[in-house]
Amino acid sequence: MSVLLTGGTGQLGRMLLNELNTQHLFVSFLTGGKAFPSNSGMKVINADLTDYTSLSGALSHDYDVVVHCASDPRESDMVDVEGTRNLLKAVGNTNVKNFIYISIVGIDKAAYLYYQ
């Protein structure tokens, strides 16, 4: 099984990466340039979620699962909204079987603008 993970430098993403590393899967990690250990045993893909051209050119493998954990409260419109649209568009041209997008139960009741 092959997995593409976005947001692996964040809190949830790091925990998920640790778990994926124990499962003997083909794991690719999408990064927009943040440092990531090269000895992780994963394929590191450098692409920008906010730039569809960069993203579509980087996704040459058909993944069984895409786990989208990337988020940025400082740039939520660009990363969370446009970045997710770009990612869905890019994987829509492949044979991805499952797309998992993180959410927080009850977040719609939070007053913080980013969560709204």
C-alpha atoms as a PDB file:
ATOM      1  CA  MET A   1       0.000   0.000   0.000  1.00  0.00           C
ATOM      2  CA  SER A   2       1.245   3.490  -0.793  1.00  0.00           C
ATOM      3  CA  VAL A   3       0.486   6.599   1.245  1.00  0.00           C
ATOM      4  CA  LEU A   4       1.016  10.285   0.547  1.00  0.00           C
ATOM      5  CA  LEU A   5       1.060  12.482   3.651  1.00  0.00           C
ATOM      6  CA  THR A   6       0.880  16.265   3.786  1.00  0.00           C
ATOM      7  CA  GLY A   7       1.547  18.209   6.972  1.00  0.00           C
ATOM      8  CA  GLY A   8       4.031  15.757   8.407  1.00  0.00           C
ATOM      9  CA  THR A   9       5.983  18.452  10.220  1.00  0.00           C
ATOM     10  CA  GLY A  10       2.948  19.413  12.320  1.00  0.00           C
ATOM     11  CA  GLN A  11       1.883  17.860  15.599  1.00  0.00           C
ATOM     12  CA  LEU A  12      -0.618  15.350  14.177  1.00  0.00           C
ATOM     13  CA  GLY A  13       1.459  14.692  11.065  1.00  0.00           C
ATOM     14  CA  ARG A  14       4.590  13.820  13.058  1.00  0.00           C
ATOM     15  CA  MET A  15       2.676  11.295  15.150  1.00  0.00           C
ATOM     16  CA  LEU A  16       1.135   9.780  12.035  1.00  0.00           C
ATOM     17  CA  LEU A  17       4.518   9.576  10.303  1.00  0.00           C
ATOM     18  CA  ASN A  18       5.944   7.671  13.246  1.00  0.00           C
ATOM     19  CA  GLU A  19       3.106   5.164  12.996  1.00  0.00           C
ATOM     20  CA  LEU A  20       3.326   4.851   9.202  1.00  0.00           C
ATOM     21  CA  ASN A  21       7.052   4.150   9.469  1.00  0.00           C
ATOM     22  CA  THR A  22       6.295   1.011  11.488  1.00  0.00           C
ATOM     23  CA  GLN A  23       3.803  -0.407   8.989  1.00  0.00           C
ATOM     24  CA  HIS A  24       6.071  -1.362   6.043  1.00  0.00           C
ATOM     25  CA  LEU A  25       4.224   0.906   3.621  1.00  0.00           C
ATOM     26  CA  PHE A  26       5.465   2.959   0.696  1.00  0.00           C
ATOM     27  CA  VAL A  27       5.195   6.435   2.238  1.00  0.00           C
ATOM     28  CA  SER A  28       5.750   9.742   0.500  1.00  0.00           C
ATOM     29  CA  PHE A  29       5.898  12.963   2.450  1.00  0.00           C
ATOM     30  CA  LEU A  30       4.938  16.224   0.777  1.00  0.00           C
ATOM     31  CA  THR A  31       6.816  19.240   2.107  1.00  0.00           C
ATOM     32  CA  GLY A  32       6.841  22.845   1.070  1.00  0.00           C
ATOM     33  CA  GLY A  33      10.459  23.221   2.045  1.00  0.00           C
ATOM     34  CA  LYS A  34      10.564  22.533   5.786  1.00  0.00           C
ATOM     35  CA  ALA A  35      13.534  20.456   6.831  1.00  0.00           C
ATOM     36  CA  PHE A  36      12.833  16.758   7.022  1.00  0.00           C
ATOM     37  CA  PRO A  37      15.293  13.983   7.922  1.00  0.00           C
ATOM     38  CA  SER A  38      16.504  12.272   4.762  1.00  0.00           C
ATOM     39  CA  ASN A  39      17.091   9.000   6.619  1.00  0.00           C
ATOM     40  CA  SER A  40      13.374   8.535   7.268  1.00  0.00           C
ATOM     41  CA  GLY A  41      12.987   5.805   4.639  1.00  0.00           C
ATOM     42  CA  MET A  42      10.274   7.832   2.956  1.00  0.00           C
ATOM     43  CA  LYS A  43      10.184   9.540  -0.393  1.00  0.00           C
ATOM     44  CA  VAL A  44      10.289  13.300   0.177  1.00  0.00           C
ATOM     45  CA  ILE A  45       8.367  15.373  -2.372  1.00  0.00           C
ATOM     46  CA  ASN A  46       9.094  19.093  -2.447  1.00  0.00           C
ATOM     47  CA  ALA A  47       6.004  20.924  -3.667  1.00  0.00           C
ATOM     48  CA  ASP A  48       3.851  23.857  -2.664  1.00  0.00           C
ATOM     49  CA  LEU A  49       0.169  23.188  -1.941  1.00  0.00           C
ATOM     50  CA  THR A  50      -0.645  26.765  -2.898  1.00  0.00           C
ATOM     51  CA  ASP A  51       0.895  26.308  -6.367  1.00  0.00           C
ATOM     52  CA  TYR A  52      -1.021  23.771  -8.464  1.00  0.00           C
ATOM     53  CA  THR A  53       1.700  23.543 -11.127  1.00  0.00           C
ATOM     54  CA  SER A  54       4.329  22.661  -8.529  1.00  0.00           C
ATOM     55  CA  LEU A  55       2.001  20.143  -6.942  1.00  0.00           C
ATOM     56  CA  SER A  56       0.682  18.404 -10.048  1.00  0.00           C
ATOM     57  CA  GLY A  57       4.180  17.934 -11.421  1.00  0.00           C
ATOM     58  CA  ALA A  58       5.363  16.323  -8.195  1.00  0.00           C
ATOM     59  CA  LEU A  59       2.650  13.678  -7.891  1.00  0.00           C
ATOM     60  CA  SER A  60       3.779  11.074 -10.382  1.00  0.00           C
ATOM     61  CA  HIS A  61       2.850   8.043  -8.273  1.00  0.00           C
ATOM     62  CA  ASP A  62      -0.665   6.632  -7.906  1.00  0.00           C
ATOM     63  CA  TYR A  63      -1.260   6.453  -4.162  1.00  0.00           C
ATOM     64  CA  ASP A  64      -3.756   4.187  -2.454  1.00  0.00           C
ATOM     65  CA  VAL A  65      -4.302   6.756   0.286  1.00  0.00           C
ATOM     66  CA  VAL A  66      -3.701  10.490   0.620  1.00  0.00           C
ATOM     67  CA  VAL A  67      -3.728  11.774   4.202  1.00  0.00           C
ATOM     68  CA  HIS A  68      -3.999  15.555   4.171  1.00  0.00           C
ATOM     69  CA  CYS A  69      -2.858  17.042   7.486  1.00  0.00           C
ATOM     70  CA  ALA A  70      -1.351  20.289   6.171  1.00  0.00           C
ATOM     71  CA  SER A  71      -2.717  23.460   7.691  1.00  0.00           C
ATOM     72  CA  ASP A  72      -1.552  26.971   8.464  1.00  0.00           C
ATOM     73  CA  PRO A  73      -3.616  29.278  10.679  1.00  0.00           C
ATOM     74  CA  ARG A  74      -1.594  32.285   9.490  1.00  0.00           C
ATOM     75  CA  GLU A  75      -2.378  31.551   5.826  1.00  0.00           C
ATOM     76  CA  SER A  76      -5.609  29.567   6.125  1.00  0.00           C
ATOM     77  CA  ASP A  77      -7.197  30.802   2.894  1.00  0.00           C
ATOM     78  CA  MET A  78      -4.133  29.940   0.839  1.00  0.00           C
ATOM     79  CA  VAL A  79      -3.013  26.725   2.539  1.00  0.00           C
ATOM     80  CA  ASP A  80      -6.187  25.242   3.982  1.00  0.00           C
ATOM     81  CA  VAL A  81      -8.654  26.265   1.286  1.00  0.00           C
ATOM     82  CA  GLU A  82      -6.706  26.758  -1.955  1.00  0.00           C
ATOM     83  CA  GLY A  83      -4.062  24.201  -0.995  1.00  0.00           C
ATOM     84  CA  THR A  84      -6.710  21.547  -0.408  1.00  0.00           C
ATOM     85  CA  ARG A  85      -8.406  22.405  -3.709  1.00  0.00           C
ATOM     86  CA  ASN A  86      -5.079  22.114  -5.498  1.00  0.00           C
ATOM     87  CA  LEU A  87      -4.296  18.794  -3.842  1.00  0.00           C
ATOM     88  CA  LEU A  88      -7.726  17.363  -4.698  1.00  0.00           C
ATOM     89  CA  LYS A  89      -7.339  18.536  -8.284  1.00  0.00           C
ATOM     90  CA  ALA A  90      -3.838  17.041  -8.553  1.00  0.00           C
ATOM     91  CA  VAL A  91      -4.798  13.651  -7.123  1.00  0.00           C
ATOM     92  CA  GLY A  92      -8.020  13.699  -9.134  1.00  0.00           C
ATOM     93  CA  ASN A  93      -5.870  13.030 -12.199  1.00  0.00           C
ATOM     94  CA  THR A  94      -4.472   9.855 -10.602  1.00  0.00           C
ATOM     95  CA  ASN A  95      -5.906   6.597  -9.280  1.00  0.00           C
ATOM     96  CA  VAL A  96      -6.067   7.581  -5.596  1.00  0.00           C
ATOM     97  CA  LYS A  97      -8.518   5.275  -3.852  1.00  0.00           C
ATOM     98  CA  ASN A  98      -8.934   7.137  -0.524  1.00  0.00           C
ATOM     99  CA  PHE A  99      -8.512  10.750   0.555  1.00  0.00           C
ATOM    100  CA  ILE A 100      -8.430  11.429   4.298  1.00  0.00           C
ATOM    101  CA  TYR A 101      -8.801  15.009   5.462  1.00  0.00           C
ATOM    102  CA  ILE A 102      -8.380  15.880   9.119  1.00  0.00           C
ATOM    103  CA  SER A 103     -11.087  17.546  11.152  1.00  0.00           C
ATOM    104  CA  ILE A 104     -11.789  18.402  14.768  1.00  0.00           C
ATOM    105  CA  VAL A 105     -15.079  17.335  16.316  1.00  0.00           C
ATOM    106  CA  GLY A 106     -17.073  20.340  17.563  1.00  0.00           C
ATOM    107  CA  ILE A 107     -14.757  22.863  15.914  1.00  0.00           C
ATOM    108  CA  ASP A 108     -17.716  24.713  14.439  1.00  0.00           C
ATOM    109  CA  LYS A 109     -18.492  25.988  17.938  1.00  0.00           C
ATOM    110  CA  ALA A 110     -15.031  27.529  18.516  1.00  0.00           C
ATOM    111  CA  ALA A 111     -14.802  31.324  18.521  1.00  0.00           C
ATOM    112  CA  TYR A 112     -11.303  31.441  16.979  1.00  0.00           C
ATOM    113  CA  LEU A 113     -11.634  32.842  13.431  1.00  0.00           C
ATOM    114  CA  TYR A 114      -9.274  30.244  11.941  1.00  0.00           C
ATOM    115  CA  TYR A 115     -11.600  27.440  13.046  1.00  0.00           C
ATOM    116  CA  GLN A 116     -14.672  29.147  11.654  1.00  0.00           C
END
